[in-house]
């Protein structure tokens, strides 16, 4: 075999140059590909939520609302990192900023940046309490941090309350309020012993729920039909909350005329009370039961009804699995009506379970189901009624809507617990056609707990303190023994 002739220095240098050029071209091509991939990923990216505890994913309604706002949105959060709502709040605001390029977010710690806190307090006239401020076009709306966490009480009687994060509800509501110039007016009817939005009584007042209505960008007024003799034209929603005396015939006629003009009505009618509105509601396909709905499987003291599973409806969709608590509610049942094109559509909103019933002898100290008199469950205690245009006729006519709830205590100052306020506000938003605020549900915190008894704890201790170290020592001794052999 002949030896290979040595190559010339020029050929060796040429090969090195070609090899270097090849490496350089490869590096440049790899850099170009890397740059193009990053450029495309910046333009076309997908956000994936990995959190199993509390997702910051925005609802479709919030995303649509953000897309409809052309002005710049400035969000300033004044909150301490130790606040219970800080982490979900920060993650949610990042999601708002990621969904719209017009959103800018600033989070300020009032303990570390006192100068900036003072500046924001003067600019937005804050009381130095922790809050989140939304600003659009020079107008701003403040969401107190204390309202971001809501404590709901599950219907299983557990001692620990269920915590829910209401951030998206309040934030989207704030944005919605800033995009609307006109504020709908809600009138609370007075003159028959009804609850008053100006009553601050700790037990029977309605001041807390009235404040929530104002936070929803609504004006709250009172209306005495006996004095006014008419319903104002700017009345967007009429609320009758817990009357104890009967309506006069001309007052009932005013309400009937208001409904015939595509009005919106929310009735909160307590049990064992005659209001004079019963014939009117019969015309709309609703029967007010002279009873009390009880359910021994969904009560703690026997005087309240816990409901956490609701029939399918836009009002109840956001609060599924959250418990609303009704106090001695009455039944709201559907009345069969003759078929027709303008027949009211009756939808149940909340019912007792199959083990409950409508008790027609509530004075009996021992409640029991009498199949001869009582009505077996599930019995509805809240209903929504809608009557609109004739099916098949395409006419832009707003439907008439009613919501009837067989209890007025559930949104009193002492009754606001669980999902009571959410059910009430969802009903108000549905009645006012504010669908943007209906699909935003509070998100519950899922707490993962390891519950073990004494025997399991002892087994875990000996497994960790003795079994695992002993296994490692046995393996080590086995290796030493094999090496010595």
Protein backbone atom coordinates (compact mmCIF):
# COMPACT_ATOMS: atom_id res chain seq x y z
CA UNK A 1 0.00 0.00 0.00
CA UNK A 2 1.53 3.25 -1.10
CA UNK A 3 1.70 6.08 1.46
CA UNK A 4 -0.55 9.10 0.77
CA UNK A 5 1.33 12.09 -0.52
CA UNK A 6 1.43 14.97 1.90
CA UNK A 7 -0.88 17.84 0.98
CA UNK A 8 0.47 21.25 0.20
CA UNK A 9 0.26 24.08 2.76
CA UNK A 10 -2.04 25.97 0.42
CA UNK A 11 -4.53 23.08 0.26
CA UNK A 12 -4.51 22.70 4.05
CA UNK A 13 -5.12 26.41 4.49
CA UNK A 14 -7.94 26.31 1.93
CA UNK A 15 -9.60 23.41 3.72
CA UNK A 16 -9.42 25.28 7.02
CA UNK A 17 -10.93 28.36 5.43
CA UNK A 18 -13.75 26.37 3.87
CA UNK A 19 -14.39 24.59 7.17
CA UNK A 20 -14.50 27.90 9.04
CA UNK A 21 -16.81 29.42 6.42
CA UNK A 22 -19.09 26.41 6.69
CA UNK A 23 -19.21 26.72 10.49
CA UNK A 24 -19.82 30.47 10.22
CA UNK A 25 -22.62 29.98 7.67
CA UNK A 26 -24.16 27.33 9.90
CA UNK A 27 -24.06 29.66 12.90
CA UNK A 28 -25.55 32.54 10.90
CA UNK A 29 -28.30 30.30 9.55
CA UNK A 30 -29.06 28.99 13.04
CA UNK A 31 -29.16 32.56 14.36
CA UNK A 32 -31.48 33.63 11.53
CA UNK A 33 -33.80 30.69 12.19
CA UNK A 34 -33.75 31.42 15.94
CA UNK A 35 -34.56 35.10 15.27
CA UNK A 36 -37.41 34.27 12.89
CA UNK A 37 -38.88 31.78 15.36
CA UNK A 38 -38.75 34.38 18.14
CA UNK A 39 -40.28 37.03 15.87
CA UNK A 40 -43.13 34.72 14.90
CA UNK A 41 -43.63 33.67 18.52
CA UNK A 42 -43.98 37.32 19.53
CA UNK A 43 -46.57 37.91 16.82
CA UNK A 44 -48.41 34.60 17.09
CA UNK A 45 -48.36 33.18 20.58
CA UNK A 46 -50.68 31.20 22.82
CA UNK A 47 -51.11 31.65 26.56
CA UNK A 48 -51.40 28.42 28.53
CA UNK A 49 -52.62 28.37 32.13
CA UNK A 50 -50.87 25.76 34.25
CA UNK A 51 -52.25 26.74 37.65
CA UNK A 52 -54.60 24.18 39.19
CA UNK A 53 -55.35 26.27 42.27
CA UNK A 54 -56.81 29.49 40.88
CA UNK A 55 -56.76 30.19 37.16
CA UNK A 56 -56.52 33.77 35.91
CA UNK A 57 -58.16 32.85 32.61
CA UNK A 58 -60.53 35.60 31.49
CA UNK A 59 -64.08 34.82 30.46
CA UNK A 60 -65.20 35.40 26.88
CA UNK A 61 -67.33 38.36 27.96
CA UNK A 62 -64.34 40.11 29.55
CA UNK A 63 -62.24 39.52 26.42
CA UNK A 64 -65.02 40.92 24.22
CA UNK A 65 -65.33 43.98 26.45
CA UNK A 66 -61.58 44.62 26.29
CA UNK A 67 -61.67 44.33 22.50
CA UNK A 68 -64.47 46.90 22.28
CA UNK A 69 -62.57 49.61 24.21
CA UNK A 70 -60.49 51.78 21.88
CA UNK A 71 -59.11 54.16 24.54
CA UNK A 72 -56.09 53.48 26.71
CA UNK A 73 -56.85 51.65 29.96
CA UNK A 74 -54.70 52.42 32.97
CA UNK A 75 -54.85 50.11 35.98
CA UNK A 76 -53.11 50.98 39.25
CA UNK A 77 -53.18 48.49 42.12
CA UNK A 78 -52.36 49.81 45.58
CA UNK A 79 -51.91 46.64 47.63
CA UNK A 80 -49.47 44.99 50.01
CA UNK A 81 -47.93 41.67 48.90
CA UNK A 82 -49.16 40.05 52.11
CA UNK A 83 -52.80 40.67 51.25
CA UNK A 84 -54.82 37.50 50.71
CA UNK A 85 -55.93 38.63 47.24
CA UNK A 86 -52.54 39.93 46.07
CA UNK A 87 -51.35 36.92 44.04
CA UNK A 88 -54.62 36.22 42.17
CA UNK A 89 -55.07 39.96 41.65
CA UNK A 90 -51.59 40.37 40.13
CA UNK A 91 -52.07 37.32 37.88
CA UNK A 92 -55.46 38.59 36.74
CA UNK A 93 -54.17 42.07 35.92
CA UNK A 94 -51.36 40.52 33.87
CA UNK A 95 -54.02 38.62 31.93
CA UNK A 96 -55.92 41.86 31.23
CA UNK A 97 -52.68 43.45 29.97
CA UNK A 98 -51.87 40.42 27.81
CA UNK A 99 -55.32 40.46 26.21
CA UNK A 100 -55.23 44.10 25.12
CA UNK A 101 -52.27 46.29 24.08
CA UNK A 102 -54.11 49.37 25.39
CA UNK A 103 -53.94 48.14 29.01
CA UNK A 104 -51.12 49.30 31.26
CA UNK A 105 -50.75 47.88 34.77
CA UNK A 106 -48.89 49.31 37.77
CA UNK A 107 -48.75 47.60 41.16
CA UNK A 108 -47.61 49.73 44.09
CA UNK A 109 -46.67 48.51 47.57
CA UNK A 110 -47.85 51.27 49.96
CA UNK A 111 -45.28 50.26 52.59
CA UNK A 112 -42.25 50.45 50.27
CA UNK A 113 -43.20 53.28 47.91
CA UNK A 114 -44.78 55.85 50.19
CA UNK A 115 -44.14 58.77 47.83
CA UNK A 116 -45.95 57.07 44.95
CA UNK A 117 -48.75 56.09 47.31
CA UNK A 118 -49.17 59.70 48.40
CA UNK A 119 -49.22 60.82 44.76
CA UNK A 120 -51.90 58.29 43.82
CA UNK A 121 -53.98 59.17 46.89
CA UNK A 122 -54.05 62.82 45.80
CA UNK A 123 -54.63 62.08 42.12
CA UNK A 124 -57.56 59.70 42.64
CA UNK A 125 -58.75 61.06 46.03
CA UNK A 126 -58.14 57.78 47.79
CA UNK A 127 -58.51 57.19 51.52
CA UNK A 128 -55.20 55.27 51.61
CA UNK A 129 -57.01 51.94 51.80
CA UNK A 130 -55.79 49.16 49.55
CA UNK A 131 -57.62 49.23 46.22
CA UNK A 132 -57.39 48.83 42.44
CA UNK A 133 -58.04 51.93 40.29
CA UNK A 134 -59.21 51.77 36.66
CA UNK A 135 -58.90 54.87 34.47
CA UNK A 136 -60.23 55.45 30.94
CA UNK A 137 -60.26 58.86 29.30
CA UNK A 138 -59.78 60.80 32.51
CA UNK A 139 -62.57 58.94 34.34
CA UNK A 140 -61.69 56.46 37.05
CA UNK A 141 -63.39 53.75 39.09
CA UNK A 142 -62.06 52.33 42.35
CA UNK A 143 -62.43 48.71 43.49
CA UNK A 144 -61.66 48.24 47.22
CA UNK A 145 -59.30 45.34 47.94
CA UNK A 146 -61.53 44.23 50.82
CA UNK A 147 -64.23 43.23 48.31
CA UNK A 148 -62.00 40.97 46.22
CA UNK A 149 -62.42 37.99 48.56
CA UNK A 150 -65.88 36.68 49.36
CA UNK A 151 -66.66 34.00 51.90
CA UNK A 152 -69.35 31.55 50.90
CA UNK A 153 -70.93 28.99 53.18
CA UNK A 154 -71.40 25.56 51.58
CA UNK A 155 -74.62 23.68 52.07
CA UNK A 156 -72.95 20.66 53.64
CA UNK A 157 -72.61 22.40 56.99
CA UNK A 158 -68.80 22.45 56.97
CA UNK A 159 -67.21 24.70 59.54
CA UNK A 160 -64.70 26.26 57.14
CA UNK A 161 -66.25 28.78 54.73
CA UNK A 162 -65.52 28.59 51.03
CA UNK A 163 -63.42 31.47 49.75
CA UNK A 164 -64.12 32.96 46.33
CA UNK A 165 -62.07 35.51 44.38
CA UNK A 166 -64.34 38.15 42.82
CA UNK A 167 -61.60 40.00 40.95
CA UNK A 168 -62.82 39.50 37.39
CA UNK A 169 -66.40 40.31 38.37
CA UNK A 170 -65.41 43.63 39.93
CA UNK A 171 -62.74 44.53 37.37
CA UNK A 172 -64.92 43.86 34.33
CA UNK A 173 -67.78 45.71 36.01
CA UNK A 174 -65.46 48.69 36.57
CA UNK A 175 -64.43 48.71 32.91
CA UNK A 176 -68.05 48.40 31.84
CA UNK A 177 -69.02 51.33 34.07
CA UNK A 178 -66.30 53.53 32.57
CA UNK A 179 -67.45 52.80 29.01
CA UNK A 180 -71.06 53.81 29.70
CA UNK A 181 -72.05 57.44 29.98
CA UNK A 182 -75.64 56.83 31.09
CA UNK A 183 -76.41 55.06 34.37
CA UNK A 184 -79.65 53.05 34.51
CA UNK A 185 -81.94 53.92 37.41
CA UNK A 186 -83.27 51.27 39.77
CA UNK A 187 -86.37 52.21 41.77
CA UNK A 188 -87.20 50.53 45.09
CA UNK A 189 -90.96 50.71 45.64
CA UNK A 190 -91.98 52.13 49.03
CA UNK A 191 -95.23 52.67 50.89
CA UNK A 192 -96.12 49.09 51.83
CA UNK A 193 -93.48 48.34 54.46
CA UNK A 194 -90.87 47.35 51.87
CA UNK A 195 -87.15 47.20 52.53
CA UNK A 196 -85.42 50.50 51.90
CA UNK A 197 -82.02 51.05 50.26
CA UNK A 198 -81.51 53.91 52.71
CA UNK A 199 -82.03 51.67 55.77
CA UNK A 200 -78.72 50.96 57.54
CA UNK A 201 -80.18 48.63 60.15
CA UNK A 202 -77.70 45.78 60.74
CA UNK A 203 -80.43 43.15 60.43
CA UNK A 204 -83.26 44.36 58.18
CA UNK A 205 -81.67 47.18 56.17
CA UNK A 206 -80.80 47.10 52.47
CA UNK A 207 -77.93 49.59 52.53
CA UNK A 208 -75.26 47.00 51.71
CA UNK A 209 -76.97 45.64 48.63
CA UNK A 210 -77.79 49.19 47.54
CA UNK A 211 -74.08 50.00 47.74
CA UNK A 212 -73.36 46.96 45.55
CA UNK A 213 -75.88 48.24 43.00
CA UNK A 214 -74.13 51.61 42.89
CA UNK A 215 -70.82 49.79 42.38
CA UNK A 216 -72.46 48.16 39.35
CA UNK A 217 -72.87 51.65 37.80
CA UNK A 218 -76.55 51.95 38.71
CA UNK A 219 -78.46 54.84 40.24
CA UNK A 220 -80.66 53.82 43.17
CA UNK A 221 -83.84 55.73 43.99
CA UNK A 222 -87.06 55.12 45.93
CA UNK A 223 -90.56 55.43 44.49
CA UNK A 224 -93.90 55.67 46.31
CA UNK A 225 -96.58 54.77 43.78
CA UNK A 226 -99.29 56.12 46.05
CA UNK A 227 -97.75 59.60 45.94
CA UNK A 228 -96.27 59.63 42.43
CA UNK A 229 -99.39 58.18 40.75
CA UNK A 230 -97.12 57.17 37.85
CA UNK A 231 -93.93 55.31 36.99
CA UNK A 232 -91.11 57.63 35.84
CA UNK A 233 -89.93 57.21 32.28
CA UNK A 234 -86.32 56.79 33.40
CA UNK A 235 -87.17 53.76 35.55
CA UNK A 236 -85.03 50.98 34.09
CA UNK A 237 -85.90 48.46 36.80
CA UNK A 238 -88.55 48.32 39.51
CA UNK A 239 -87.76 46.37 42.70
CA UNK A 240 -90.44 45.37 45.22
CA UNK A 241 -88.61 44.03 48.27
CA UNK A 242 -90.59 42.48 51.12
CA UNK A 243 -93.92 44.38 51.23
CA UNK A 244 -96.03 43.66 54.32
CA UNK A 245 -99.20 45.49 53.23
CA UNK A 246 -101.43 45.06 50.22
CA UNK A 247 -101.02 47.16 47.08
CA UNK A 248 -103.97 49.33 46.16
CA UNK A 249 -105.79 48.42 42.91
CA UNK A 250 -104.54 51.54 41.11
CA UNK A 251 -100.94 50.73 42.17
CA UNK A 252 -101.30 47.23 40.75
CA UNK A 253 -102.66 48.81 37.58
CA UNK A 254 -99.59 51.05 37.36
CA UNK A 255 -97.29 48.02 37.64
CA UNK A 256 -99.36 46.14 35.04
CA UNK A 257 -99.11 49.09 32.64
CA UNK A 258 -95.36 49.32 33.32
CA UNK A 259 -94.94 45.67 32.38
CA UNK A 260 -97.06 46.09 29.27
CA UNK A 261 -94.61 48.80 28.21
CA UNK A 262 -91.76 46.23 28.28
CA UNK A 263 -90.81 47.10 31.84
CA UNK A 264 -88.51 45.09 34.09
CA UNK A 265 -89.61 43.96 37.56
CA UNK A 266 -87.83 42.20 40.45
CA UNK A 267 -90.09 40.89 43.19
CA UNK A 268 -88.80 39.68 46.58
CA UNK A 269 -91.93 38.42 48.33
CA UNK A 270 -91.82 36.85 51.79
CA UNK A 271 -93.93 33.90 52.90
CA UNK A 272 -97.20 34.30 54.84
CA UNK A 273 -97.80 37.71 53.21
CA UNK A 274 -100.59 38.86 50.89
CA UNK A 275 -99.45 41.64 48.58
CA UNK A 276 -102.36 42.08 46.16
CA UNK A 277 -100.01 41.26 43.28
CA UNK A 278 -101.09 37.62 43.14
CA UNK A 279 -103.71 38.10 40.34
CA UNK A 280 -101.16 40.03 38.26
CA UNK A 281 -98.59 37.28 38.61
CA UNK A 282 -101.18 34.66 37.68
CA UNK A 283 -101.53 36.48 34.36
CA UNK A 284 -97.79 36.00 33.91
CA UNK A 285 -97.94 32.30 34.69
CA UNK A 286 -96.65 32.36 38.30
CA UNK A 287 -98.35 31.02 41.43
CA UNK A 288 -97.24 32.42 44.79
CA UNK A 289 -97.61 29.62 47.30
CA UNK A 290 -99.07 30.32 50.74
CA UNK A 291 -96.45 27.99 52.16
CA UNK A 292 -92.85 27.65 53.33
CA UNK A 293 -90.35 25.50 51.45
CA UNK A 294 -88.37 23.27 53.81
CA UNK A 295 -85.62 20.74 53.17
CA UNK A 296 -84.13 18.83 56.08
CA UNK A 297 -81.11 17.81 53.99
CA UNK A 298 -80.22 21.43 53.14
CA UNK A 299 -80.61 23.31 56.39
CA UNK A 300 -78.72 23.87 59.64
CA UNK A 301 -81.38 25.28 61.95
CA UNK A 302 -84.50 24.28 60.02
CA UNK A 303 -85.37 27.89 59.19
CA UNK A 304 -83.20 28.37 56.12
CA UNK A 305 -82.73 26.67 52.77
CA UNK A 306 -79.28 26.19 51.25
CA UNK A 307 -79.17 25.91 47.45
CA UNK A 308 -75.97 25.23 45.49
CA UNK A 309 -77.27 23.35 42.41
CA UNK A 310 -79.34 25.56 40.12
CA UNK A 311 -81.38 24.98 36.96
CA UNK A 312 -79.71 26.14 33.75
CA UNK A 313 -80.28 29.86 33.18
CA UNK A 314 -78.07 32.90 32.40
CA UNK A 315 -78.72 34.19 35.94
CA UNK A 316 -77.52 31.04 37.68
CA UNK A 317 -74.76 29.90 35.30
CA UNK A 318 -71.99 31.93 37.01
CA UNK A 319 -72.81 30.70 40.54
CA UNK A 320 -73.07 26.95 40.07
CA UNK A 321 -71.70 25.10 43.13
CA UNK A 322 -71.89 28.28 45.23
CA UNK A 323 -74.50 28.21 47.99
CA UNK A 324 -77.26 30.78 48.30
CA UNK A 325 -79.18 30.86 51.57
CA UNK A 326 -82.91 31.64 51.70
CA UNK A 327 -84.77 32.24 54.96
CA UNK A 328 -88.23 30.66 55.22
CA UNK A 329 -88.83 31.03 51.46
CA UNK A 330 -92.17 30.56 49.75
CA UNK A 331 -92.74 28.57 46.58
CA UNK A 332 -92.92 30.16 43.12
CA UNK A 333 -94.60 27.64 40.84
CA UNK A 334 -95.53 27.77 37.17
CA UNK A 335 -99.19 28.09 36.22
CA UNK A 336 -100.26 26.29 33.04
CA UNK A 337 -101.27 28.80 30.39
CA UNK A 338 -103.11 28.41 27.13
CA UNK A 339 -100.71 28.03 24.20
CA UNK A 340 -100.07 31.19 22.24
CA UNK A 341 -97.43 33.20 20.46
CA UNK A 342 -97.03 35.70 23.32
CA UNK A 343 -97.05 33.16 26.13
CA UNK A 344 -94.68 34.03 29.02
CA UNK A 345 -91.66 31.75 29.35
CA UNK A 346 -91.32 30.52 32.95
CA UNK A 347 -87.85 29.37 34.11
CA UNK A 348 -86.94 28.04 37.53
CA UNK A 349 -83.88 29.62 39.16
CA UNK A 350 -83.55 27.87 42.53
CA UNK A 351 -85.29 24.83 44.01
CA UNK A 352 -85.10 22.62 47.05
CA UNK A 353 -83.92 19.03 46.63
CA UNK A 354 -86.10 16.01 46.02
CA UNK A 355 -86.21 15.42 49.78
CA UNK A 356 -87.74 18.85 50.47
CA UNK A 357 -91.33 19.98 50.15
CA UNK A 358 -93.66 22.98 50.30
CA UNK A 359 -95.14 23.00 53.81
CA UNK A 360 -98.71 24.39 53.93
CA UNK A 361 -98.95 24.19 57.72
CA UNK A 362 -95.90 26.19 58.84
CA UNK A 363 -97.37 26.78 62.32
CA UNK A 364 -96.86 23.11 63.16
CA UNK A 365 -93.74 22.96 65.43
CA UNK A 366 -92.75 19.60 63.90
CA UNK A 367 -92.63 19.91 60.12
CA UNK A 368 -93.38 16.73 58.24
CA UNK A 369 -94.47 15.95 54.70
CA UNK A 370 -98.22 15.41 54.33
CA UNK A 371 -98.85 13.95 50.86
CA UNK A 372 -102.51 15.04 51.04
CA UNK A 373 -101.67 18.74 51.39
CA UNK A 374 -97.97 19.48 50.83
CA UNK A 375 -96.13 19.58 47.51
CA UNK A 376 -93.10 17.27 47.17
CA UNK A 377 -89.75 18.56 46.02
CA UNK A 378 -88.02 19.81 44.09
CA UNK A 379 -90.06 22.99 44.64
CA UNK A 380 -88.88 26.28 43.08
CA UNK A 381 -88.32 29.28 45.34
CA UNK A 382 -87.14 31.65 42.58
CA UNK A 383 -88.16 32.01 38.95
CA UNK A 384 -87.56 34.17 35.89
CA UNK A 385 -90.33 35.04 33.43
CA UNK A 386 -89.83 36.50 29.98
CA UNK A 387 -92.34 37.48 27.32
CA UNK A 388 -91.11 38.80 24.01
CA UNK A 389 -92.02 39.00 20.33
CA UNK A 390 -93.98 36.27 18.62
CA UNK A 391 -91.63 33.47 17.47
CA UNK A 392 -90.81 33.71 13.78
CA UNK A 393 -91.51 37.43 13.59
CA UNK A 394 -88.24 39.38 13.35
CA UNK A 395 -89.05 42.63 15.13
CA UNK A 396 -86.63 44.62 17.28
CA UNK A 397 -88.78 44.68 20.41
CA UNK A 398 -87.31 44.27 23.86
CA UNK A 399 -88.98 41.53 25.91
CA UNK A 400 -90.68 42.04 29.24
CA UNK A 401 -88.80 40.35 32.06
CA UNK A 402 -89.68 39.48 35.64
CA UNK A 403 -87.74 37.76 38.39
CA UNK A 404 -89.63 36.51 41.46
CA UNK A 405 -87.83 35.30 44.59
CA UNK A 406 -89.78 33.96 47.55
CA UNK A 407 -87.67 35.72 50.19
CA UNK A 408 -86.45 39.25 50.87
CA UNK A 409 -84.19 38.48 53.87
CA UNK A 410 -81.52 36.84 51.73
CA UNK A 411 -80.08 40.21 50.61
CA UNK A 412 -80.69 42.15 53.82
CA UNK A 413 -77.68 43.52 55.68
CA UNK A 414 -77.60 40.43 57.92
CA UNK A 415 -78.51 37.97 55.17
CA UNK A 416 -75.76 38.73 52.66
CA UNK A 417 -73.79 35.51 52.75
CA UNK A 418 -72.56 32.94 50.28
CA UNK A 419 -73.79 33.60 46.75
CA UNK A 420 -76.81 35.69 47.82
CA UNK A 421 -75.47 38.96 46.49
CA UNK A 422 -74.27 37.31 43.27
CA UNK A 423 -77.70 35.79 42.63
CA UNK A 424 -79.37 39.16 43.24
CA UNK A 425 -76.92 41.11 41.06
CA UNK A 426 -77.08 38.51 38.29
CA UNK A 427 -80.86 38.86 38.30
CA UNK A 428 -80.53 42.65 38.07
CA UNK A 429 -78.05 42.44 35.19
CA UNK A 430 -80.26 39.95 33.33
CA UNK A 431 -83.28 42.18 33.78
CA UNK A 432 -81.29 45.16 32.46
CA UNK A 433 -79.87 43.23 29.46
CA UNK A 434 -76.33 43.66 30.74
CA UNK A 435 -75.05 40.34 29.50
CA UNK A 436 -71.43 41.52 29.68
CA UNK A 437 -71.59 41.20 33.46
CA UNK A 438 -73.46 37.90 33.62
CA UNK A 439 -70.82 35.42 32.43
CA UNK A 440 -68.20 36.46 34.98
CA UNK A 441 -68.24 34.09 37.92
CA UNK A 442 -66.31 34.25 41.20
CA UNK A 443 -63.49 31.71 41.29
CA UNK A 444 -63.15 29.55 44.36
CA UNK A 445 -59.86 28.76 46.03
CA UNK A 446 -59.18 25.04 45.93
CA UNK A 447 -57.28 24.10 49.06
CA UNK A 448 -55.39 20.80 48.92
CA UNK A 449 -55.22 19.28 52.42
CA UNK A 450 -53.68 16.04 53.62
CA UNK A 451 -55.89 14.74 56.41
CA UNK A 452 -54.41 11.82 58.39
CA UNK A 453 -55.34 10.05 61.61
CA UNK A 454 -52.91 9.03 64.40
CA UNK A 455 -52.24 5.56 62.94
CA UNK A 456 -51.41 7.01 59.51
CA UNK A 457 -49.15 9.63 61.07
CA UNK A 458 -47.21 6.93 62.98
CA UNK A 459 -46.85 4.88 59.79
CA UNK A 460 -45.60 7.93 57.91
CA UNK A 461 -43.09 8.72 60.67
CA UNK A 462 -41.56 5.24 60.73
CA UNK A 463 -41.49 5.13 56.93
CA UNK A 464 -39.56 8.39 56.69
CA UNK A 465 -37.45 8.11 59.87
CA UNK A 466 -36.61 4.38 59.81
CA UNK A 467 -37.63 2.50 56.67
CA UNK A 468 -36.09 4.76 54.02
CA UNK A 469 -32.75 5.34 55.87
CA UNK A 470 -32.60 1.63 56.70
CA UNK A 471 -33.10 0.71 53.05
CA UNK A 472 -30.28 3.03 51.97
CA UNK A 473 -27.97 1.58 54.69
CA UNK A 474 -28.80 -1.99 53.62
CA UNK A 475 -27.96 -1.22 49.99
CA UNK A 476 -24.67 0.35 51.06
CA UNK A 477 -23.70 -2.67 53.15
CA UNK A 478 -24.59 -4.94 50.22
CA UNK A 479 -22.31 -2.99 47.89
CA UNK A 480 -19.42 -3.09 50.41
CA UNK A 481 -19.83 -6.83 50.90
CA UNK A 482 -19.82 -7.52 47.14
CA UNK A 483 -16.67 -5.42 46.65
CA UNK A 484 -14.77 -7.22 49.41
CA UNK A 485 -15.60 -10.58 47.83
